[in-house]
């Protein structure tokens, strides 16, 4: 059995660190299979076995979270969970640097801050490169962060418009059986992009921008033959493009524009005989100047913690483990 004691200077800040009814301490204890007891501004971390690494990690999590609280950040349970996962993956990481807002995508409605090192790298890369590929499982923030960066760039007048697109692979011949005109038929496939937009901007502002053509949400087929200047362009669900569609999209990039391509190569819905344009692009564009690929994994999932465990379980099954 291994014990580690910590003492925090400010009692009030220590109570914030421990969480309501010590919920934060319980989260950390469950994460690393420990027992954590508090008394006043002191905690004792006890390993239930001989796990020195787990005790040390818990101590680092508490110490760094306390530093963030002292700096004025409100720490929520999801922040505690993310801090545990981040330091478990990168023991030497500075979680305060990851959570800081200097790379946030701001909007009047909401500010977005990276929650993992990969997310921070992703946002830094989007800012620095003309074209960024974000590849990884569901829940890692690929599309959401890209939309946030697009909205921030638009509001700062770095671009004149936003173009959001994705292939309507599931549609095919099924579109004929859906009610409404073409726009109404394809709308369900574009809904995730609308959801992200409405999370960043008020509904009325989104409608105003769309009516003025400042924001455009359209299926990939509508991109053919266009050159997009001074635009922030996002291709979502890129794993469901063909190599020909991917090339068509990538060559739409005009002067003053920035493109982000997102996708999950484990969720390809194309016919088996078709090759994914995202996989093809990753194989031929990796060393092209001005293009960067960011790979996410289950540790970057920022939805409910159960989503990360589901992704990990499916990955194990796919590998036959």
Protein backbone atom coordinates (compact mmCIF):
# COMPACT_ATOMS: atom_id res chain seq x y z
CA UNK A 1 0.00 0.00 0.00
CA UNK A 2 1.37 3.39 -1.07
CA UNK A 3 0.35 6.75 0.46
CA UNK A 4 0.87 10.24 -0.86
CA UNK A 5 -0.16 13.39 1.02
CA UNK A 6 -0.96 16.79 -0.46
CA UNK A 7 -1.75 20.08 1.24
CA UNK A 8 -3.26 23.10 -0.49
CA UNK A 9 -2.75 26.63 0.84
CA UNK A 10 -6.26 28.05 0.39
CA UNK A 11 -9.14 26.20 2.05
CA UNK A 12 -11.80 27.76 -0.18
CA UNK A 13 -9.91 26.89 -3.37
CA UNK A 14 -9.28 23.39 -2.04
CA UNK A 15 -13.03 22.90 -1.61
CA UNK A 16 -13.54 23.96 -5.24
CA UNK A 17 -10.86 21.46 -6.24
CA UNK A 18 -12.49 18.62 -4.34
CA UNK A 19 -15.87 19.39 -5.92
CA UNK A 20 -19.39 19.36 -4.47
CA UNK A 21 -19.52 16.52 -1.94
CA UNK A 22 -16.00 15.59 -3.14
CA UNK A 23 -17.23 14.46 -6.56
CA UNK A 24 -13.93 15.45 -8.19
CA UNK A 25 -11.93 13.36 -5.73
CA UNK A 26 -14.20 10.37 -6.38
CA UNK A 27 -13.76 10.74 -10.14
CA UNK A 28 -9.97 10.69 -9.80
CA UNK A 29 -10.05 7.79 -7.35
CA UNK A 30 -12.22 5.70 -9.69
CA UNK A 31 -10.11 6.59 -12.69
CA UNK A 32 -6.85 5.36 -11.14
CA UNK A 33 -8.31 2.72 -8.76
CA UNK A 34 -7.28 4.60 -5.62
CA UNK A 35 -8.69 5.79 -2.33
CA UNK A 36 -8.58 9.55 -1.78
CA UNK A 37 -9.55 11.05 1.57
CA UNK A 38 -9.68 14.71 2.48
CA UNK A 39 -9.58 16.66 5.70
CA UNK A 40 -9.76 20.43 5.45
CA UNK A 41 -7.27 21.47 2.82
CA UNK A 42 -5.34 18.18 2.90
CA UNK A 43 -5.76 14.94 0.93
CA UNK A 44 -4.27 11.49 1.33
CA UNK A 45 -4.00 9.38 -1.83
CA UNK A 46 -3.76 5.67 -1.14
CA UNK A 47 -3.06 2.92 -3.66
CA UNK A 48 -5.22 -0.16 -3.25
CA UNK A 49 -2.23 -2.20 -4.41
CA UNK A 50 1.34 -1.20 -5.26
CA UNK A 51 0.56 1.26 -8.06
CA UNK A 52 3.01 4.09 -7.52
CA UNK A 53 2.31 5.43 -11.01
CA UNK A 54 -1.42 5.81 -10.30
CA UNK A 55 -0.73 7.63 -7.03
CA UNK A 56 1.71 9.98 -8.76
CA UNK A 57 -0.75 10.66 -11.59
CA UNK A 58 -3.56 11.49 -9.18
CA UNK A 59 -1.23 13.86 -7.36
CA UNK A 60 -0.30 15.62 -10.60
CA UNK A 61 -3.96 15.93 -11.61
CA UNK A 62 -4.90 17.53 -8.29
CA UNK A 63 -1.87 19.82 -8.25
CA UNK A 64 -2.42 21.10 -11.78
CA UNK A 65 -6.17 21.51 -11.36
CA UNK A 66 -5.53 23.50 -8.19
CA UNK A 67 -3.19 25.75 -10.16
CA UNK A 68 -5.91 26.33 -12.75
CA UNK A 69 -8.44 27.22 -10.03
CA UNK A 70 -5.95 29.68 -8.52
CA UNK A 71 -5.65 31.27 -11.95
CA UNK A 72 -9.41 31.85 -12.00
CA UNK A 73 -10.71 28.88 -14.02
CA UNK A 74 -13.84 27.12 -12.85
CA UNK A 75 -13.22 23.36 -12.90
CA UNK A 76 -16.13 21.09 -13.80
CA UNK A 77 -16.38 17.28 -13.56
CA UNK A 78 -15.75 16.92 -17.30
CA UNK A 79 -12.55 18.96 -16.86
CA UNK A 80 -11.41 16.56 -14.14
CA UNK A 81 -12.09 13.58 -16.39
CA UNK A 82 -10.23 15.18 -19.29
CA UNK A 83 -7.30 16.11 -17.05
CA UNK A 84 -7.04 12.49 -15.86
CA UNK A 85 -7.05 11.16 -19.41
CA UNK A 86 -4.60 13.79 -20.63
CA UNK A 87 -2.03 13.18 -17.90
CA UNK A 88 -2.52 9.42 -18.16
CA UNK A 89 -1.54 9.71 -21.82
CA UNK A 90 1.08 12.48 -21.47
CA UNK A 91 2.39 12.44 -17.85
CA UNK A 92 4.53 15.51 -18.46
CA UNK A 93 1.75 17.58 -20.02
CA UNK A 94 0.74 20.98 -18.72
CA UNK A 95 -3.05 20.81 -18.62
CA UNK A 96 -3.30 24.53 -17.92
CA UNK A 97 -1.65 25.16 -21.28
CA UNK A 98 -4.06 22.83 -23.04
CA UNK A 99 -7.10 24.50 -21.45
CA UNK A 100 -5.92 28.07 -21.92
CA UNK A 101 -7.94 30.26 -24.26
CA UNK A 102 -5.28 31.70 -26.52
CA UNK A 103 -6.34 29.35 -29.30
CA UNK A 104 -10.06 29.47 -28.58
CA UNK A 105 -12.48 29.98 -31.43
CA UNK A 106 -14.55 32.84 -30.11
CA UNK A 107 -18.04 33.88 -31.12
CA UNK A 108 -20.65 36.14 -29.48
CA UNK A 109 -22.50 33.04 -28.30
CA UNK A 110 -19.76 30.66 -27.26
CA UNK A 111 -16.02 30.31 -26.86
CA UNK A 112 -14.44 26.96 -27.64
CA UNK A 113 -11.25 25.80 -25.95
CA UNK A 114 -9.24 22.65 -26.80
CA UNK A 115 -9.58 19.85 -24.27
CA UNK A 116 -6.70 17.57 -25.32
CA UNK A 117 -3.20 17.98 -26.73
CA UNK A 118 -4.34 16.67 -30.10
CA UNK A 119 -7.18 19.18 -30.17
CA UNK A 120 -4.79 22.00 -29.38
CA UNK A 121 -2.43 20.81 -32.12
CA UNK A 122 -5.42 20.58 -34.49
CA UNK A 123 -6.45 24.19 -33.85
CA UNK A 124 -2.86 25.44 -34.10
CA UNK A 125 -2.49 23.57 -37.40
CA UNK A 126 -5.73 24.98 -38.82
CA UNK A 127 -4.46 28.45 -38.02
CA UNK A 128 -1.02 27.86 -39.55
CA UNK A 129 -1.77 25.72 -42.62
CA UNK A 130 -3.87 26.28 -45.72
CA UNK A 131 -5.28 22.76 -45.57
CA UNK A 132 -5.74 20.49 -42.55
CA UNK A 133 -7.02 16.93 -42.36
CA UNK A 134 -8.55 15.80 -39.05
CA UNK A 135 -8.95 12.02 -38.97
CA UNK A 136 -10.30 10.06 -36.04
CA UNK A 137 -13.30 8.49 -34.31
CA UNK A 138 -16.63 10.05 -33.37
CA UNK A 139 -16.66 12.51 -30.50
CA UNK A 140 -13.12 13.86 -30.90
CA UNK A 141 -14.33 17.34 -31.92
CA UNK A 142 -13.04 17.25 -35.51
CA UNK A 143 -16.03 18.96 -37.11
CA UNK A 144 -17.11 21.03 -34.12
CA UNK A 145 -13.69 22.62 -33.68
CA UNK A 146 -13.36 23.25 -37.41
CA UNK A 147 -16.73 25.04 -37.48
CA UNK A 148 -15.70 27.05 -34.42
CA UNK A 149 -12.50 28.13 -36.14
CA UNK A 150 -14.47 29.02 -39.28
CA UNK A 151 -16.92 31.19 -37.33
CA UNK A 152 -14.06 32.87 -35.49
CA UNK A 153 -12.26 33.62 -38.78
CA UNK A 154 -15.46 35.04 -40.28
CA UNK A 155 -16.15 37.32 -37.32
CA UNK A 156 -12.55 38.53 -37.35
CA UNK A 157 -12.98 39.21 -41.10
CA UNK A 158 -10.12 36.91 -42.00
CA UNK A 159 -12.45 35.30 -44.57
CA UNK A 160 -15.57 36.58 -46.32
CA UNK A 161 -17.63 33.41 -46.14
CA UNK A 162 -17.91 29.89 -44.78
CA UNK A 163 -18.66 26.88 -46.96
CA UNK A 164 -19.65 23.64 -45.21
CA UNK A 165 -20.11 20.50 -47.23
CA UNK A 166 -20.36 16.75 -46.92
CA UNK A 167 -21.19 13.83 -49.24
CA UNK A 168 -24.78 12.56 -49.08
CA UNK A 169 -23.63 8.98 -49.52
CA UNK A 170 -26.56 7.48 -47.67
CA UNK A 171 -28.91 9.20 -50.09
CA UNK A 172 -28.31 7.70 -53.53
CA UNK A 173 -31.60 6.46 -54.98
CA UNK A 174 -33.25 6.83 -51.58
CA UNK A 175 -33.58 10.59 -52.16
CA UNK A 176 -36.51 9.94 -54.45
CA UNK A 177 -38.51 8.44 -51.61
CA UNK A 178 -38.00 11.36 -49.23
CA UNK A 179 -40.59 14.17 -49.22
CA UNK A 180 -39.86 17.64 -50.54
CA UNK A 181 -37.60 19.20 -53.15
CA UNK A 182 -33.88 18.47 -53.49
CA UNK A 183 -32.88 20.93 -50.75
CA UNK A 184 -35.33 19.34 -48.32
CA UNK A 185 -34.19 15.83 -49.27
CA UNK A 186 -30.51 16.49 -48.57
CA UNK A 187 -31.10 18.60 -45.45
CA UNK A 188 -31.02 15.62 -43.01
CA UNK A 189 -27.51 14.72 -44.19
CA UNK A 190 -26.27 18.25 -43.48
CA UNK A 191 -27.93 18.55 -40.06
CA UNK A 192 -24.73 17.96 -38.01
CA UNK A 193 -23.18 21.01 -39.68
CA UNK A 194 -26.23 23.14 -38.90
CA UNK A 195 -26.12 21.94 -35.29
CA UNK A 196 -22.52 23.08 -34.88
CA UNK A 197 -23.30 26.45 -36.45
CA UNK A 198 -26.27 27.07 -34.18
CA UNK A 199 -24.10 26.27 -31.18
CA UNK A 200 -21.72 29.07 -32.19
CA UNK A 201 -24.17 31.72 -33.42
CA UNK A 202 -27.73 32.74 -32.68
CA UNK A 203 -30.33 31.16 -34.94
CA UNK A 204 -31.31 34.51 -36.44
CA UNK A 205 -27.68 35.35 -37.25
CA UNK A 206 -27.17 32.00 -38.98
CA UNK A 207 -30.30 32.61 -41.08
CA UNK A 208 -29.12 36.12 -41.94
CA UNK A 209 -25.70 34.88 -43.02
CA UNK A 210 -27.18 32.06 -45.07
CA UNK A 211 -29.65 34.31 -46.85
CA UNK A 212 -26.79 36.67 -47.71
CA UNK A 213 -24.60 33.79 -48.92
CA UNK A 214 -22.01 34.43 -46.20
CA UNK A 215 -22.56 30.91 -44.86
CA UNK A 216 -23.31 28.09 -47.29
CA UNK A 217 -24.17 24.52 -46.31
CA UNK A 218 -24.40 22.24 -49.31
CA UNK A 219 -23.80 18.66 -50.48
CA UNK A 220 -20.42 17.91 -52.03
CA UNK A 221 -21.89 17.57 -55.53
CA UNK A 222 -22.64 21.32 -55.49
CA UNK A 223 -18.90 22.11 -55.27
CA UNK A 224 -18.04 20.98 -58.79
CA UNK A 225 -16.76 23.68 -61.13
CA UNK A 226 -16.33 26.33 -58.45
CA UNK A 227 -13.30 28.28 -57.20
CA UNK A 228 -13.68 29.43 -53.60
CA UNK A 229 -11.69 32.57 -52.77
CA UNK A 230 -11.49 34.22 -49.32
CA UNK A 231 -13.44 31.34 -47.79
CA UNK A 232 -13.16 28.90 -44.92
CA UNK A 233 -14.19 25.56 -46.40
CA UNK A 234 -14.97 22.42 -44.40
CA UNK A 235 -15.53 18.97 -45.87
CA UNK A 236 -17.15 16.71 -43.28
CA UNK A 237 -17.53 12.90 -43.41
CA UNK A 238 -14.75 12.82 -45.99
CA UNK A 239 -14.33 9.05 -45.61
CA UNK A 240 -17.44 8.73 -47.80
CA UNK A 241 -15.93 10.54 -50.77
CA UNK A 242 -14.40 8.75 -53.73
CA UNK A 243 -10.85 9.68 -54.79
CA UNK A 244 -12.36 11.62 -57.70
CA UNK A 245 -14.68 13.58 -55.41
CA UNK A 246 -11.86 14.30 -53.00
CA UNK A 247 -9.64 15.64 -55.78
CA UNK A 248 -12.54 17.75 -57.04
CA UNK A 249 -13.05 19.25 -53.59
CA UNK A 250 -9.38 19.91 -52.84
CA UNK A 251 -8.92 21.75 -56.12
CA UNK A 252 -11.73 24.20 -55.26
CA UNK A 253 -9.36 26.06 -52.93
CA UNK A 254 -8.85 29.66 -54.06
CA UNK A 255 -6.73 32.60 -52.92
CA UNK A 256 -7.13 33.68 -49.33
CA UNK A 257 -8.95 30.47 -48.45
CA UNK A 258 -8.45 27.77 -45.87
CA UNK A 259 -9.77 24.19 -45.99
CA UNK A 260 -10.38 21.59 -43.29
CA UNK A 261 -11.22 17.98 -44.14
CA UNK A 262 -12.61 15.71 -41.43
CA UNK A 263 -13.50 12.05 -41.39
CA UNK A 264 -13.44 8.69 -39.63
CA UNK A 265 -11.86 5.92 -41.68
CA UNK A 266 -13.59 3.28 -39.53
CA UNK A 267 -17.02 4.45 -40.72
CA UNK A 268 -16.83 4.19 -44.49
CA UNK A 269 -20.30 3.74 -46.03
CA UNK A 270 -19.18 3.44 -49.64
CA UNK A 271 -19.84 0.26 -51.63
CA UNK A 272 -17.12 -2.32 -50.99
CA UNK A 273 -15.70 -1.96 -54.48
CA UNK A 274 -15.19 1.80 -54.00
CA UNK A 275 -12.05 3.25 -52.43
CA UNK A 276 -12.37 6.02 -49.86
CA UNK A 277 -11.10 9.38 -51.05
CA UNK A 278 -9.90 10.13 -47.53
CA UNK A 279 -7.71 7.03 -47.39
CA UNK A 280 -6.38 7.82 -50.86
CA UNK A 281 -5.64 11.45 -49.92
CA UNK A 282 -3.78 10.35 -46.80
CA UNK A 283 -1.55 8.11 -48.91
CA UNK A 284 -0.70 10.66 -51.62
CA UNK A 285 -0.72 14.03 -49.81
CA UNK A 286 1.13 13.32 -46.57
CA UNK A 287 4.33 15.08 -47.66
CA UNK A 288 2.75 17.91 -49.66
CA UNK A 289 3.78 21.34 -48.36
CA UNK A 290 0.89 23.32 -46.88
CA UNK A 291 -1.10 20.20 -45.91
CA UNK A 292 -1.05 18.62 -42.46
CA UNK A 293 -2.78 15.51 -41.12
CA UNK A 294 -3.87 15.33 -37.47
CA UNK A 295 -4.77 11.87 -36.12
CA UNK A 296 -7.21 11.56 -33.22
CA UNK A 297 -7.92 8.44 -31.17
CA UNK A 298 -10.22 7.26 -28.37
CA UNK A 299 -8.31 9.33 -25.79
CA UNK A 300 -9.48 12.48 -27.59
CA UNK A 301 -13.18 11.62 -27.33
CA UNK A 302 -14.85 14.48 -25.45
CA UNK A 303 -18.42 13.26 -25.41
CA UNK A 304 -19.79 11.19 -22.55
CA UNK A 305 -16.93 9.01 -21.15
CA UNK A 306 -18.91 5.95 -22.25
CA UNK A 307 -18.42 6.98 -25.90
CA UNK A 308 -14.65 6.64 -25.48
CA UNK A 309 -15.05 3.17 -24.00
CA UNK A 310 -17.36 2.16 -26.86
CA UNK A 311 -14.85 3.38 -29.46
CA UNK A 312 -12.05 1.49 -27.71
CA UNK A 313 -14.12 -1.71 -27.54
CA UNK A 314 -14.90 -1.58 -31.26
CA UNK A 315 -11.24 -0.94 -32.07
CA UNK A 316 -10.25 -4.04 -30.08
CA UNK A 317 -12.88 -6.10 -31.85
CA UNK A 318 -11.68 -4.91 -35.26
CA UNK A 319 -8.14 -5.96 -34.34
CA UNK A 320 -9.36 -9.36 -33.11
CA UNK A 321 -8.16 -8.72 -29.57
